[in-house]
């Protein structure tokens, strides 16, 4: 199991997490909607700066802007946006001989995708066939879906170049909204076989105060309070075959230059998952 730090497209706080970058040779880059809603954003420049700084990197995940950048919205605005993103990633992957993943959220349920977008997604995945580029979809915490849309898309496309990013915070949010214990909710929401086959990475963090969706800033994607909390969540995911994939510490915090909270989460997770002191 590999553990990757998360930074921004400006590489904020990355120097503070270099111990884990050096050890596991991967990062996730988060982009923001600085150019407007569903606007193309510059993938190449941050990746090239990253590779110049850390030439031994083996894997990068690109996380598009958080607001109004779901895959269905982008496809309906202009499919060429995603095609151009994937073409850029193919070129960067070949240039640096690295794995690059493009991660998209979706708010739709699978019925809508099957009727309106799945053929487009298949064409996108066909573009990156037999390459080191992967298109991955993240589970959401809204209740617009009946089953986990990310798994349904991956199962329908059924390609090694299409997978899932599983966010444990979103699992907790759904359990909290439904007023159920997280283990009880996981039993109906997750399928261990699908997890083993399609999950490429996990977004790992804590969800505070039985919330995660109302007071989003203070309770969503925060550092765990202690190593026991990290161990509990890791063992929950391990039960569903999520112990061999990549883990990204996706931690919200007040100071994104110091990254104190993410550093602590990295340390605890490394100890729990890999036995590192």
C-alpha atoms as a PDB file:
ATOM      1  CA  UNK A   1       0.000   0.000   0.000  1.00  0.00           C
ATOM      2  CA  UNK A   2       1.251   3.466  -0.963  1.00  0.00           C
ATOM      3  CA  UNK A   3       0.388   6.713   0.799  1.00  0.00           C
ATOM      4  CA  UNK A   4       0.446   9.931  -1.208  1.00  0.00           C
ATOM      5  CA  UNK A   5       0.222  13.481   0.149  1.00  0.00           C
ATOM      6  CA  UNK A   6      -2.223  15.921  -1.389  1.00  0.00           C
ATOM      7  CA  UNK A   7      -1.194  19.410  -2.452  1.00  0.00           C
ATOM      8  CA  UNK A   8      -2.560  22.138  -4.708  1.00  0.00           C
ATOM      9  CA  UNK A   9      -1.649  22.906  -8.305  1.00  0.00           C
ATOM     10  CA  UNK A  10       0.632  25.588  -6.803  1.00  0.00           C
ATOM     11  CA  UNK A  11       2.403  22.848  -4.790  1.00  0.00           C
ATOM     12  CA  UNK A  12       1.563  24.565  -1.487  1.00  0.00           C
ATOM     13  CA  UNK A  13       3.138  22.883   1.530  1.00  0.00           C
ATOM     14  CA  UNK A  14       4.694  20.117  -0.542  1.00  0.00           C
ATOM     15  CA  UNK A  15       8.177  20.656   0.885  1.00  0.00           C
ATOM     16  CA  UNK A  16       6.825  19.874   4.363  1.00  0.00           C
ATOM     17  CA  UNK A  17       5.612  16.457   3.147  1.00  0.00           C
ATOM     18  CA  UNK A  18       8.669  15.436   1.145  1.00  0.00           C
ATOM     19  CA  UNK A  19       9.445  12.501   3.456  1.00  0.00           C
ATOM     20  CA  UNK A  20       6.337  10.738   2.166  1.00  0.00           C
ATOM     21  CA  UNK A  21       6.763  11.878  -1.432  1.00  0.00           C
ATOM     22  CA  UNK A  22      10.258  10.413  -1.427  1.00  0.00           C
ATOM     23  CA  UNK A  23       9.103   7.201   0.202  1.00  0.00           C
ATOM     24  CA  UNK A  24       6.012   6.471  -1.900  1.00  0.00           C
ATOM     25  CA  UNK A  25       6.746   8.509  -5.050  1.00  0.00           C
ATOM     26  CA  UNK A  26       3.277   9.919  -5.667  1.00  0.00           C
ATOM     27  CA  UNK A  27       1.069  12.978  -5.055  1.00  0.00           C
ATOM     28  CA  UNK A  28      -2.380  14.305  -5.806  1.00  0.00           C
ATOM     29  CA  UNK A  29      -2.786  17.819  -7.235  1.00  0.00           C
ATOM     30  CA  UNK A  30      -5.959  19.740  -6.405  1.00  0.00           C
ATOM     31  CA  UNK A  31      -7.060  22.460  -8.832  1.00  0.00           C
ATOM     32  CA  UNK A  32      -9.528  25.259  -8.093  1.00  0.00           C
ATOM     33  CA  UNK A  33     -12.017  27.212 -10.204  1.00  0.00           C
ATOM     34  CA  UNK A  34      -9.781  30.243 -10.647  1.00  0.00           C
ATOM     35  CA  UNK A  35     -10.625  30.460 -14.354  1.00  0.00           C
ATOM     36  CA  UNK A  36     -14.397  30.325 -13.925  1.00  0.00           C
ATOM     37  CA  UNK A  37     -17.026  27.597 -13.979  1.00  0.00           C
ATOM     38  CA  UNK A  38     -16.190  24.556 -16.150  1.00  0.00           C
ATOM     39  CA  UNK A  39     -13.265  26.425 -17.673  1.00  0.00           C
ATOM     40  CA  UNK A  40     -10.238  24.583 -19.045  1.00  0.00           C
ATOM     41  CA  UNK A  41      -7.349  24.648 -16.591  1.00  0.00           C
ATOM     42  CA  UNK A  42      -3.613  24.277 -17.072  1.00  0.00           C
ATOM     43  CA  UNK A  43      -2.555  20.717 -16.298  1.00  0.00           C
ATOM     44  CA  UNK A  44       0.823  20.700 -18.014  1.00  0.00           C
ATOM     45  CA  UNK A  45       2.608  23.541 -16.191  1.00  0.00           C
ATOM     46  CA  UNK A  46       2.082  22.287 -12.600  1.00  0.00           C
ATOM     47  CA  UNK A  47       2.955  18.715 -13.620  1.00  0.00           C
ATOM     48  CA  UNK A  48       6.114  19.855 -15.378  1.00  0.00           C
ATOM     49  CA  UNK A  49       7.124  21.943 -12.345  1.00  0.00           C
ATOM     50  CA  UNK A  50       6.429  18.949 -10.128  1.00  0.00           C
ATOM     51  CA  UNK A  51       8.524  16.601 -12.276  1.00  0.00           C
ATOM     52  CA  UNK A  52      11.356  19.114 -12.434  1.00  0.00           C
ATOM     53  CA  UNK A  53      11.291  19.337  -8.640  1.00  0.00           C
ATOM     54  CA  UNK A  54      10.795  15.603  -8.033  1.00  0.00           C
ATOM     55  CA  UNK A  55      12.006  13.679 -11.108  1.00  0.00           C
ATOM     56  CA  UNK A  56      11.643  10.287  -9.397  1.00  0.00           C
ATOM     57  CA  UNK A  57       7.844  10.554  -9.090  1.00  0.00           C
ATOM     58  CA  UNK A  58       5.948   7.516 -10.359  1.00  0.00           C
ATOM     59  CA  UNK A  59       2.300   8.592 -10.066  1.00  0.00           C
ATOM     60  CA  UNK A  60       0.191  11.760 -10.022  1.00  0.00           C
ATOM     61  CA  UNK A  61      -3.559  12.189  -9.601  1.00  0.00           C
ATOM     62  CA  UNK A  62      -5.143  15.294 -11.119  1.00  0.00           C
ATOM     63  CA  UNK A  63      -8.193  16.528  -9.204  1.00  0.00           C
ATOM     64  CA  UNK A  64     -10.159  19.129 -11.237  1.00  0.00           C
ATOM     65  CA  UNK A  65     -11.832  22.119  -9.536  1.00  0.00           C
ATOM     66  CA  UNK A  66     -14.342  21.255  -6.814  1.00  0.00           C
ATOM     67  CA  UNK A  67     -17.273  23.455  -7.843  1.00  0.00           C
ATOM     68  CA  UNK A  68     -19.445  22.779 -10.904  1.00  0.00           C
ATOM     69  CA  UNK A  69     -16.904  20.438 -12.454  1.00  0.00           C
ATOM     70  CA  UNK A  70     -18.751  17.119 -12.307  1.00  0.00           C
ATOM     71  CA  UNK A  71     -18.138  14.859 -15.285  1.00  0.00           C
ATOM     72  CA  UNK A  72     -21.716  15.188 -16.576  1.00  0.00           C
ATOM     73  CA  UNK A  73     -21.557  19.003 -16.568  1.00  0.00           C
ATOM     74  CA  UNK A  74     -18.259  19.080 -18.424  1.00  0.00           C
ATOM     75  CA  UNK A  75     -19.410  16.519 -20.995  1.00  0.00           C
ATOM     76  CA  UNK A  76     -22.574  18.488 -21.695  1.00  0.00           C
ATOM     77  CA  UNK A  77     -20.695  21.748 -22.019  1.00  0.00           C
ATOM     78  CA  UNK A  78     -18.076  20.323 -24.362  1.00  0.00           C
ATOM     79  CA  UNK A  79     -16.640  16.810 -24.469  1.00  0.00           C
ATOM     80  CA  UNK A  80     -13.497  18.263 -26.037  1.00  0.00           C
ATOM     81  CA  UNK A  81     -12.552  19.686 -22.634  1.00  0.00           C
ATOM     82  CA  UNK A  82     -12.031  16.189 -21.232  1.00  0.00           C
ATOM     83  CA  UNK A  83     -10.533  14.888 -24.476  1.00  0.00           C
ATOM     84  CA  UNK A  84      -7.924  17.632 -24.379  1.00  0.00           C
ATOM     85  CA  UNK A  85      -7.210  16.934 -20.708  1.00  0.00           C
ATOM     86  CA  UNK A  86      -6.641  13.266 -21.434  1.00  0.00           C
ATOM     87  CA  UNK A  87      -4.489  14.047 -24.471  1.00  0.00           C
ATOM     88  CA  UNK A  88      -2.322  16.299 -22.292  1.00  0.00           C
ATOM     89  CA  UNK A  89      -2.012  13.530 -19.716  1.00  0.00           C
ATOM     90  CA  UNK A  90      -1.054  10.999 -22.380  1.00  0.00           C
ATOM     91  CA  UNK A  91       1.730  13.296 -23.544  1.00  0.00           C
ATOM     92  CA  UNK A  92       2.950  13.983 -20.002  1.00  0.00           C
ATOM     93  CA  UNK A  93       2.759  10.321 -19.050  1.00  0.00           C
ATOM     94  CA  UNK A  94       4.851   9.346 -22.070  1.00  0.00           C
ATOM     95  CA  UNK A  95       7.317  12.205 -21.579  1.00  0.00           C
ATOM     96  CA  UNK A  96       8.031  11.348 -17.938  1.00  0.00           C
ATOM     97  CA  UNK A  97       7.102   7.645 -17.992  1.00  0.00           C
ATOM     98  CA  UNK A  98       4.685   8.004 -15.072  1.00  0.00           C
ATOM     99  CA  UNK A  99       1.157   6.981 -14.165  1.00  0.00           C
ATOM    100  CA  UNK A 100      -1.331   9.873 -14.243  1.00  0.00           C
ATOM    101  CA  UNK A 101      -4.941   9.659 -13.066  1.00  0.00           C
ATOM    102  CA  UNK A 102      -7.716  12.127 -13.872  1.00  0.00           C
ATOM    103  CA  UNK A 103     -10.360  12.183 -11.133  1.00  0.00           C
ATOM    104  CA  UNK A 104     -13.937  13.341 -11.628  1.00  0.00           C
ATOM    105  CA  UNK A 105     -16.903  13.728  -9.268  1.00  0.00           C
ATOM    106  CA  UNK A 106     -20.455  13.032 -10.387  1.00  0.00           C
ATOM    107  CA  UNK A 107     -23.793  13.954  -8.782  1.00  0.00           C
ATOM    108  CA  UNK A 108     -25.867  11.806 -11.131  1.00  0.00           C
ATOM    109  CA  UNK A 109     -27.168   8.329 -10.461  1.00  0.00           C
ATOM    110  CA  UNK A 110     -26.194   5.568 -12.852  1.00  0.00           C
ATOM    111  CA  UNK A 111     -29.558   5.518 -14.663  1.00  0.00           C
ATOM    112  CA  UNK A 112     -28.870   9.031 -15.967  1.00  0.00           C
ATOM    113  CA  UNK A 113     -25.310   8.144 -16.931  1.00  0.00           C
ATOM    114  CA  UNK A 114     -26.398   5.008 -18.774  1.00  0.00           C
ATOM    115  CA  UNK A 115     -28.908   6.973 -20.822  1.00  0.00           C
ATOM    116  CA  UNK A 116     -26.866  10.116 -21.472  1.00  0.00           C
ATOM    117  CA  UNK A 117     -23.110   9.870 -20.877  1.00  0.00           C
ATOM    118  CA  UNK A 118     -21.815   6.301 -20.675  1.00  0.00           C
ATOM    119  CA  UNK A 119     -21.040   6.100 -24.407  1.00  0.00           C
ATOM    120  CA  UNK A 120     -19.036   9.320 -24.127  1.00  0.00           C
ATOM    121  CA  UNK A 121     -17.165   7.946 -21.120  1.00  0.00           C
ATOM    122  CA  UNK A 122     -16.380   4.767 -23.061  1.00  0.00           C
ATOM    123  CA  UNK A 123     -14.908   6.888 -25.877  1.00  0.00           C
ATOM    124  CA  UNK A 124     -12.789   8.796 -23.365  1.00  0.00           C
ATOM    125  CA  UNK A 125     -11.485   5.582 -21.838  1.00  0.00           C
ATOM    126  CA  UNK A 126     -10.786   4.214 -25.328  1.00  0.00           C
ATOM    127  CA  UNK A 127      -8.502   7.233 -25.870  1.00  0.00           C
ATOM    128  CA  UNK A 128      -6.227   6.135 -23.015  1.00  0.00           C
ATOM    129  CA  UNK A 129      -6.371   2.385 -23.605  1.00  0.00           C
ATOM    130  CA  UNK A 130      -3.025   0.598 -23.044  1.00  0.00           C
ATOM    131  CA  UNK A 131      -1.488   3.743 -21.524  1.00  0.00           C
ATOM    132  CA  UNK A 132      -0.448   4.759 -18.003  1.00  0.00           C
ATOM    133  CA  UNK A 133      -3.365   7.205 -17.840  1.00  0.00           C
ATOM    134  CA  UNK A 134      -6.491   6.310 -15.867  1.00  0.00           C
ATOM    135  CA  UNK A 135      -9.892   8.005 -15.598  1.00  0.00           C
ATOM    136  CA  UNK A 136     -11.305   7.568 -12.090  1.00  0.00           C
ATOM    137  CA  UNK A 137     -14.617   8.504 -10.505  1.00  0.00           C
ATOM    138  CA  UNK A 138     -15.217   9.407  -6.860  1.00  0.00           C
ATOM    139  CA  UNK A 139     -18.145   8.342  -4.680  1.00  0.00           C
ATOM    140  CA  UNK A 140     -20.326  11.210  -3.464  1.00  0.00           C
ATOM    141  CA  UNK A 141     -22.285  11.901  -0.279  1.00  0.00           C
ATOM    142  CA  UNK A 142     -25.477  13.244  -1.845  1.00  0.00           C
ATOM    143  CA  UNK A 143     -28.480  10.924  -2.078  1.00  0.00           C
ATOM    144  CA  UNK A 144     -29.206  11.435  -5.767  1.00  0.00           C
ATOM    145  CA  UNK A 145     -27.915   7.905  -6.445  1.00  0.00           C
ATOM    146  CA  UNK A 146     -29.402   4.529  -5.553  1.00  0.00           C
ATOM    147  CA  UNK A 147     -26.164   2.552  -5.688  1.00  0.00           C
ATOM    148  CA  UNK A 148     -22.621   3.904  -5.808  1.00  0.00           C
ATOM    149  CA  UNK A 149     -22.407   5.598  -9.212  1.00  0.00           C
ATOM    150  CA  UNK A 150     -18.606   5.469  -9.329  1.00  0.00           C
ATOM    151  CA  UNK A 151     -18.624   1.664  -9.066  1.00  0.00           C
ATOM    152  CA  UNK A 152     -21.457   1.372 -11.580  1.00  0.00           C
ATOM    153  CA  UNK A 153     -19.565   3.425 -14.163  1.00  0.00           C
ATOM    154  CA  UNK A 154     -16.366   1.433 -13.636  1.00  0.00           C
ATOM    155  CA  UNK A 155     -18.260  -1.864 -13.873  1.00  0.00           C
ATOM    156  CA  UNK A 156     -20.088  -0.789 -17.038  1.00  0.00           C
ATOM    157  CA  UNK A 157     -16.920   0.401 -18.794  1.00  0.00           C
ATOM    158  CA  UNK A 158     -14.863  -2.476 -17.337  1.00  0.00           C
ATOM    159  CA  UNK A 159     -11.424  -1.282 -18.390  1.00  0.00           C
ATOM    160  CA  UNK A 160      -8.062  -1.195 -16.572  1.00  0.00           C
ATOM    161  CA  UNK A 161      -7.991   2.487 -17.543  1.00  0.00           C
ATOM    162  CA  UNK A 162     -11.193   3.282 -15.616  1.00  0.00           C
ATOM    163  CA  UNK A 163     -11.486   3.015 -11.833  1.00  0.00           C
ATOM    164  CA  UNK A 164     -12.767   4.425  -8.566  1.00  0.00           C
ATOM    165  CA  UNK A 165     -11.497   6.815  -5.910  1.00  0.00           C
ATOM    166  CA  UNK A 166     -13.270   5.955  -2.662  1.00  0.00           C
ATOM    167  CA  UNK A 167     -13.674   8.814  -0.179  1.00  0.00           C
ATOM    168  CA  UNK A 168     -14.261   7.527   3.352  1.00  0.00           C
ATOM    169  CA  UNK A 169     -15.512  10.936   4.502  1.00  0.00           C
ATOM    170  CA  UNK A 170     -18.334  10.683   1.968  1.00  0.00           C
ATOM    171  CA  UNK A 171     -19.244   7.268   3.366  1.00  0.00           C
ATOM    172  CA  UNK A 172     -19.528   8.781   6.835  1.00  0.00           C
ATOM    173  CA  UNK A 173     -21.609  11.674   5.510  1.00  0.00           C
ATOM    174  CA  UNK A 174     -24.121   9.293   3.983  1.00  0.00           C
ATOM    175  CA  UNK A 175     -24.311   7.236   7.171  1.00  0.00           C
ATOM    176  CA  UNK A 176     -24.795  10.406   9.211  1.00  0.00           C
ATOM    177  CA  UNK A 177     -27.522  11.728   6.898  1.00  0.00           C
ATOM    178  CA  UNK A 178     -29.264   8.348   7.111  1.00  0.00           C
ATOM    179  CA  UNK A 179     -28.713   8.273  10.891  1.00  0.00           C
ATOM    180  CA  UNK A 180     -26.980   4.898  10.757  1.00  0.00           C
ATOM    181  CA  UNK A 181     -23.784   3.495  12.186  1.00  0.00           C
ATOM    182  CA  UNK A 182     -21.049   3.677   9.534  1.00  0.00           C
ATOM    183  CA  UNK A 183     -20.415  -0.075   9.635  1.00  0.00           C
ATOM    184  CA  UNK A 184     -24.112  -0.771   9.158  1.00  0.00           C
ATOM    185  CA  UNK A 185     -24.274   1.651   6.250  1.00  0.00           C
ATOM    186  CA  UNK A 186     -21.102   0.250   4.647  1.00  0.00           C
ATOM    187  CA  UNK A 187     -22.647  -3.222   4.587  1.00  0.00           C
ATOM    188  CA  UNK A 188     -25.413  -2.088   2.248  1.00  0.00           C
ATOM    189  CA  UNK A 189     -23.355   0.446   0.274  1.00  0.00           C
ATOM    190  CA  UNK A 190     -20.128  -1.457  -0.440  1.00  0.00           C
ATOM    191  CA  UNK A 191     -19.373  -4.688  -2.253  1.00  0.00           C
ATOM    192  CA  UNK A 192     -15.999  -6.174  -1.327  1.00  0.00           C
ATOM    193  CA  UNK A 193     -15.508  -7.783  -4.747  1.00  0.00           C
ATOM    194  CA  UNK A 194     -16.236  -4.535  -6.617  1.00  0.00           C
ATOM    195  CA  UNK A 195     -13.919  -2.664  -4.260  1.00  0.00           C
ATOM    196  CA  UNK A 196     -11.097  -5.100  -4.918  1.00  0.00           C
ATOM    197  CA  UNK A 197     -11.544  -4.933  -8.689  1.00  0.00           C
ATOM    198  CA  UNK A 198     -12.150  -1.242  -9.289  1.00  0.00           C
ATOM    199  CA  UNK A 199     -10.796   0.929  -6.464  1.00  0.00           C
ATOM    200  CA  UNK A 200      -7.560   2.585  -7.478  1.00  0.00           C
ATOM    201  CA  UNK A 201      -7.202   4.991  -4.572  1.00  0.00           C
ATOM    202  CA  UNK A 202      -8.763   6.096  -1.300  1.00  0.00           C
ATOM    203  CA  UNK A 203      -9.269   9.629   0.008  1.00  0.00           C
ATOM    204  CA  UNK A 204      -8.589   9.238   3.723  1.00  0.00           C
ATOM    205  CA  UNK A 205      -9.673  11.620   6.489  1.00  0.00           C
ATOM    206  CA  UNK A 206     -11.937  11.983   9.525  1.00  0.00           C
ATOM    207  CA  UNK A 207     -15.544  13.214   9.683  1.00  0.00           C
ATOM    208  CA  UNK A 208     -16.339  15.239  12.799  1.00  0.00           C
ATOM    209  CA  UNK A 209     -19.349  15.542  15.120  1.00  0.00           C
ATOM    210  CA  UNK A 210     -21.589  13.112  13.255  1.00  0.00           C
ATOM    211  CA  UNK A 211     -21.742  15.653  10.444  1.00  0.00           C
ATOM    212  CA  UNK A 212     -19.548  16.269   7.389  1.00  0.00           C
ATOM    213  CA  UNK A 213     -22.238  17.869   5.237  1.00  0.00           C
ATOM    214  CA  UNK A 214     -23.871  20.714   7.223  1.00  0.00           C
ATOM    215  CA  UNK A 215     -20.886  22.458   8.816  1.00  0.00           C
ATOM    216  CA  UNK A 216     -18.754  21.362   5.890  1.00  0.00           C
ATOM    217  CA  UNK A 217     -15.665  23.452   6.631  1.00  0.00           C
ATOM    218  CA  UNK A 218     -15.221  22.287  10.231  1.00  0.00           C
ATOM    219  CA  UNK A 219     -16.394  18.681   9.981  1.00  0.00           C
ATOM    220  CA  UNK A 220     -15.588  17.411   6.465  1.00  0.00           C
ATOM    221  CA  UNK A 221     -12.231  15.825   5.650  1.00  0.00           C
ATOM    222  CA  UNK A 222     -10.423  16.706   8.858  1.00  0.00           C
ATOM    223  CA  UNK A 223      -7.457  15.130  10.626  1.00  0.00           C
ATOM    224  CA  UNK A 224      -8.297  12.267  12.979  1.00  0.00           C
ATOM    225  CA  UNK A 225      -8.111  13.053  16.699  1.00  0.00           C
ATOM    226  CA  UNK A 226      -5.734  10.179  17.411  1.00  0.00           C
ATOM    227  CA  UNK A 227      -4.116   7.090  15.942  1.00  0.00           C
ATOM    228  CA  UNK A 228      -6.964   4.915  17.269  1.00  0.00           C
ATOM    229  CA  UNK A 229      -9.379   6.741  14.961  1.00  0.00           C
ATOM    230  CA  UNK A 230      -7.056   6.175  12.007  1.00  0.00           C
ATOM    231  CA  UNK A 231      -6.812   2.488  12.885  1.00  0.00           C
ATOM    232  CA  UNK A 232     -10.592   2.105  13.129  1.00  0.00           C
ATOM    233  CA  UNK A 233     -11.208   3.677   9.714  1.00  0.00           C
ATOM    234  CA  UNK A 234      -8.357   1.814   8.053  1.00  0.00           C
ATOM    235  CA  UNK A 235      -9.654  -1.515   9.380  1.00  0.00           C
ATOM    236  CA  UNK A 236     -13.154  -0.653   8.163  1.00  0.00           C
ATOM    237  CA  UNK A 237     -11.814  -0.085   4.649  1.00  0.00           C
ATOM    238  CA  UNK A 238      -9.598  -3.168   4.870  1.00  0.00           C
ATOM    239  CA  UNK A 239     -12.730  -5.236   5.474  1.00  0.00           C
ATOM    240  CA  UNK A 240     -13.804  -4.242   1.953  1.00  0.00           C
ATOM    241  CA  UNK A 241     -10.460  -5.051   0.285  1.00  0.00           C
ATOM    242  CA  UNK A 242      -9.136  -1.495   0.401  1.00  0.00           C
ATOM    243  CA  UNK A 243      -5.732  -2.335   1.858  1.00  0.00           C
ATOM    244  CA  UNK A 244      -3.730  -2.708  -1.344  1.00  0.00           C
ATOM    245  CA  UNK A 245      -4.677   0.484  -3.186  1.00  0.00           C
ATOM    246  CA  UNK A 246      -3.178   3.970  -2.949  1.00  0.00           C
ATOM    247  CA  UNK A 247      -4.215   6.188  -0.047  1.00  0.00           C
ATOM    248  CA  UNK A 248      -4.304   9.985  -0.347  1.00  0.00           C
ATOM    249  CA  UNK A 249      -4.530  11.994   2.866  1.00  0.00           C
ATOM    250  CA  UNK A 250      -7.175  14.546   1.885  1.00  0.00           C
ATOM    251  CA  UNK A 251      -7.117  16.839   4.912  1.00  0.00           C
ATOM    252  CA  UNK A 252      -8.815  20.207   5.252  1.00  0.00           C
ATOM    253  CA  UNK A 253      -6.921  22.558   7.545  1.00  0.00           C
ATOM    254  CA  UNK A 254      -6.419  26.198   8.363  1.00  0.00           C
ATOM    255  CA  UNK A 255      -2.843  26.569   7.093  1.00  0.00           C
ATOM    256  CA  UNK A 256      -2.141  25.003   3.710  1.00  0.00           C
ATOM    257  CA  UNK A 257       1.497  26.126   3.725  1.00  0.00           C
ATOM    258  CA  UNK A 258       2.479  24.386   6.956  1.00  0.00           C
ATOM    259  CA  UNK A 259       0.334  21.268   6.404  1.00  0.00           C
ATOM    260  CA  UNK A 260       0.623  20.339  10.087  1.00  0.00           C
ATOM    261  CA  UNK A 261      -2.622  18.350  10.118  1.00  0.00           C
ATOM    262  CA  UNK A 262      -1.851  16.402   6.970  1.00  0.00           C
ATOM    263  CA  UNK A 263       1.637  15.620   8.252  1.00  0.00           C
ATOM    264  CA  UNK A 264       0.170  14.134  11.413  1.00  0.00           C
ATOM    265  CA  UNK A 265      -2.367  12.116   9.406  1.00  0.00           C
ATOM    266  CA  UNK A 266       0.402  10.801   7.147  1.00  0.00           C
ATOM    267  CA  UNK A 267       2.441   9.721  10.157  1.00  0.00           C
ATOM    268  CA  UNK A 268      -0.455   7.902  11.825  1.00  0.00           C
ATOM    269  CA  UNK A 269      -1.650   6.230   8.630  1.00  0.00           C
ATOM    270  CA  UNK A 270       1.847   5.033   7.751  1.00  0.00           C
ATOM    271  CA  UNK A 271       2.197   3.493  11.193  1.00  0.00           C
ATOM    272  CA  UNK A 272      -1.205   1.798  11.117  1.00  0.00           C
ATOM    273  CA  UNK A 273      -1.084   0.503   7.532  1.00  0.00           C
ATOM    274  CA  UNK A 274       2.614  -0.199   7.085  1.00  0.00           C
ATOM    275  CA  UNK A 275       3.889  -0.641  10.631  1.00  0.00           C
ATOM    276  CA  UNK A 276       6.138   2.411  10.464  1.00  0.00           C
ATOM    277  CA  UNK A 277       7.064   4.235  13.690  1.00  0.00           C
END
